[in-house]
Amino acid sequence: MPGRGDNTNANDILLLALASGQSNSASAALAGVSESTVARRLRHPKFQARLLRMRTRIIESTLSRLLGKLGKACEKLDSLMDDVDPRVALQAVRTLLASTESLWKNVDQAKQLEALQDKLDKLLPKENIPTP
């Protein structure tokens, strides 16, 4: 089982490598295990859960950094829209419009998921609701 005995360090390295986007073979090499061990670990529910949590933390951390730069990016796009070169200004406008559309789609999807979760919460008894 993953995470016991001498395999703990190898499992941690394997988790980090996989969560960071390394291939199974590259992750196996980094962790000092075989590819069949990687495949076996990936079938294990607890290992899968740990991998998902680690990937989620990496994504949340990256998203947080990106959100911190969003204001600066908007200011840059704003200044580029006033560029004397119309091609630069047009590309800045296109980028801003595409980004805005994408953000609105994400917000809309989040609202839909929240509404579905609310409906599910009302339908299922509390003890049957799986935790994320």
Protein backbone atom coordinates (compact mmCIF):
# COMPACT_ATOMS: atom_id res chain seq x y z
CA MET A 1 0.00 0.00 0.00
CA PRO A 2 1.33 3.48 -0.80
CA GLY A 3 2.72 5.58 1.97
CA ARG A 4 4.02 2.83 4.30
CA GLY A 5 7.51 2.05 5.47
CA ASP A 6 10.50 2.77 3.26
CA ASN A 7 8.24 3.73 0.35
CA THR A 8 7.05 6.98 1.98
CA ASN A 9 9.81 9.13 0.47
CA ALA A 10 9.43 7.49 -2.94
CA ASN A 11 5.66 8.00 -2.80
CA ASP A 12 6.08 11.67 -1.90
CA ILE A 13 8.51 12.19 -4.78
CA LEU A 14 6.19 10.26 -7.10
CA LEU A 15 3.19 12.32 -6.03
CA LEU A 16 5.02 15.60 -6.56
CA ALA A 17 6.32 14.54 -9.96
CA LEU A 18 2.91 13.35 -11.17
CA ALA A 19 1.11 16.39 -9.74
CA SER A 20 3.62 18.65 -11.50
CA GLY A 21 2.75 17.13 -14.86
CA GLN A 22 5.62 14.71 -15.34
CA SER A 23 4.88 11.57 -17.36
CA ASN A 24 4.52 8.24 -15.58
CA SER A 25 7.93 7.10 -16.83
CA ALA A 26 9.67 10.35 -15.82
CA SER A 27 7.93 10.27 -12.42
CA ALA A 28 9.02 6.66 -11.91
CA ALA A 29 12.63 7.55 -12.67
CA LEU A 30 12.56 10.53 -10.29
CA ALA A 31 11.06 8.43 -7.49
CA GLY A 32 13.35 5.47 -8.13
CA VAL A 33 10.48 3.07 -8.79
CA SER A 34 9.34 1.07 -11.80
CA GLU A 35 6.61 2.15 -14.19
CA SER A 36 4.53 -0.82 -13.04
CA THR A 37 4.76 0.57 -9.49
CA VAL A 38 3.48 3.92 -10.77
CA ALA A 39 0.56 2.17 -12.50
CA ARG A 40 -0.19 0.22 -9.31
CA ARG A 41 -0.09 3.38 -7.18
CA LEU A 42 -2.38 5.18 -9.61
CA ARG A 43 -4.98 2.45 -9.15
CA HIS A 44 -4.94 2.86 -5.37
CA PRO A 45 -7.81 5.10 -4.14
CA LYS A 46 -5.84 6.72 -1.30
CA PHE A 47 -2.96 7.51 -3.62
CA GLN A 48 -5.40 8.92 -6.18
CA ALA A 49 -6.94 11.11 -3.48
CA ARG A 50 -3.52 12.40 -2.35
CA LEU A 51 -2.56 13.10 -5.96
CA LEU A 52 -5.79 15.02 -6.55
CA ARG A 53 -5.26 17.09 -3.38
CA MET A 54 -1.68 17.89 -4.40
CA ARG A 55 -2.69 18.86 -7.94
CA THR A 56 -5.45 21.03 -6.52
CA ARG A 57 -2.98 22.82 -4.21
CA ILE A 58 -0.59 23.43 -7.10
CA ILE A 59 -3.39 24.80 -9.28
CA GLU A 60 -4.76 26.97 -6.46
CA SER A 61 -1.31 28.37 -5.75
CA THR A 62 -0.72 29.14 -9.42
CA LEU A 63 -4.15 30.69 -9.79
CA SER A 64 -3.52 32.85 -6.75
CA ARG A 65 -0.29 34.15 -8.29
CA LEU A 66 -2.05 34.83 -11.59
CA LEU A 67 -4.89 36.68 -9.89
CA GLY A 68 -2.32 38.82 -8.12
CA LYS A 69 -1.03 39.93 -11.53
CA LEU A 70 -4.45 40.50 -13.07
CA GLY A 71 -4.58 44.21 -12.25
CA LYS A 72 -1.18 44.82 -13.79
CA ALA A 73 -2.17 42.82 -16.88
CA CYS A 74 -5.33 44.89 -17.29
CA GLU A 75 -3.33 48.11 -16.98
CA LYS A 76 -0.92 46.88 -19.65
CA LEU A 77 -3.74 45.93 -22.00
CA ASP A 78 -5.35 49.31 -21.35
CA SER A 79 -2.16 51.12 -22.35
CA LEU A 80 -1.68 48.85 -25.39
CA MET A 81 -5.19 49.70 -26.61
CA ASP A 82 -3.95 53.28 -26.97
CA ASP A 83 -0.83 52.26 -28.91
CA VAL A 84 -0.09 54.28 -32.06
CA ASP A 85 0.22 51.06 -34.05
CA PRO A 86 -3.37 50.01 -34.84
CA ARG A 87 -2.33 46.34 -35.05
CA VAL A 88 -1.06 46.42 -31.46
CA ALA A 89 -4.20 48.23 -30.30
CA LEU A 90 -6.46 45.77 -32.12
CA GLN A 91 -4.65 42.76 -30.67
CA ALA A 92 -4.97 44.25 -27.18
CA VAL A 93 -8.72 44.71 -27.70
CA ARG A 94 -9.06 41.13 -28.99
CA THR A 95 -7.14 39.80 -26.01
CA LEU A 96 -9.25 41.76 -23.57
CA LEU A 97 -12.52 40.64 -25.18
CA ALA A 98 -11.47 36.99 -25.34
CA SER A 99 -10.31 37.04 -21.71
CA THR A 100 -13.52 38.68 -20.56
CA GLU A 101 -15.64 36.12 -22.39
CA SER A 102 -13.66 33.27 -20.88
CA LEU A 103 -13.95 34.69 -17.37
CA TRP A 104 -17.72 35.13 -17.73
CA LYS A 105 -18.09 31.52 -18.91
CA ASN A 106 -16.16 30.35 -15.86
CA VAL A 107 -18.26 32.47 -13.52
CA ASP A 108 -21.43 31.14 -15.16
CA GLN A 109 -20.27 27.54 -14.80
CA ALA A 110 -19.38 28.12 -11.15
CA LYS A 111 -22.88 29.51 -10.51
CA GLN A 112 -24.45 26.51 -12.25
CA LEU A 113 -22.36 24.09 -10.17
CA GLU A 114 -23.30 25.92 -6.99
CA ALA A 115 -27.00 25.70 -7.91
CA LEU A 116 -26.66 21.98 -8.61
CA GLN A 117 -24.84 21.44 -5.32
CA ASP A 118 -27.64 23.27 -3.49
CA LYS A 119 -30.23 21.01 -5.14
CA LEU A 120 -28.19 17.93 -4.28
CA ASP A 121 -27.85 19.06 -0.67
CA LYS A 122 -31.64 19.34 -0.42
CA LEU A 123 -32.21 15.90 -1.98
CA LEU A 124 -29.66 13.85 -0.06
CA PRO A 125 -29.49 13.31 3.68
CA LYS A 126 -26.36 14.94 5.11
CA GLU A 127 -24.67 11.62 5.97
CA ASN A 128 -24.80 10.46 2.32
CA ILE A 129 -23.14 13.53 0.80
CA PRO A 130 -19.56 12.68 -0.21
CA THR A 131 -16.90 15.07 0.95
CA PRO A 132 -14.67 16.62 -1.72
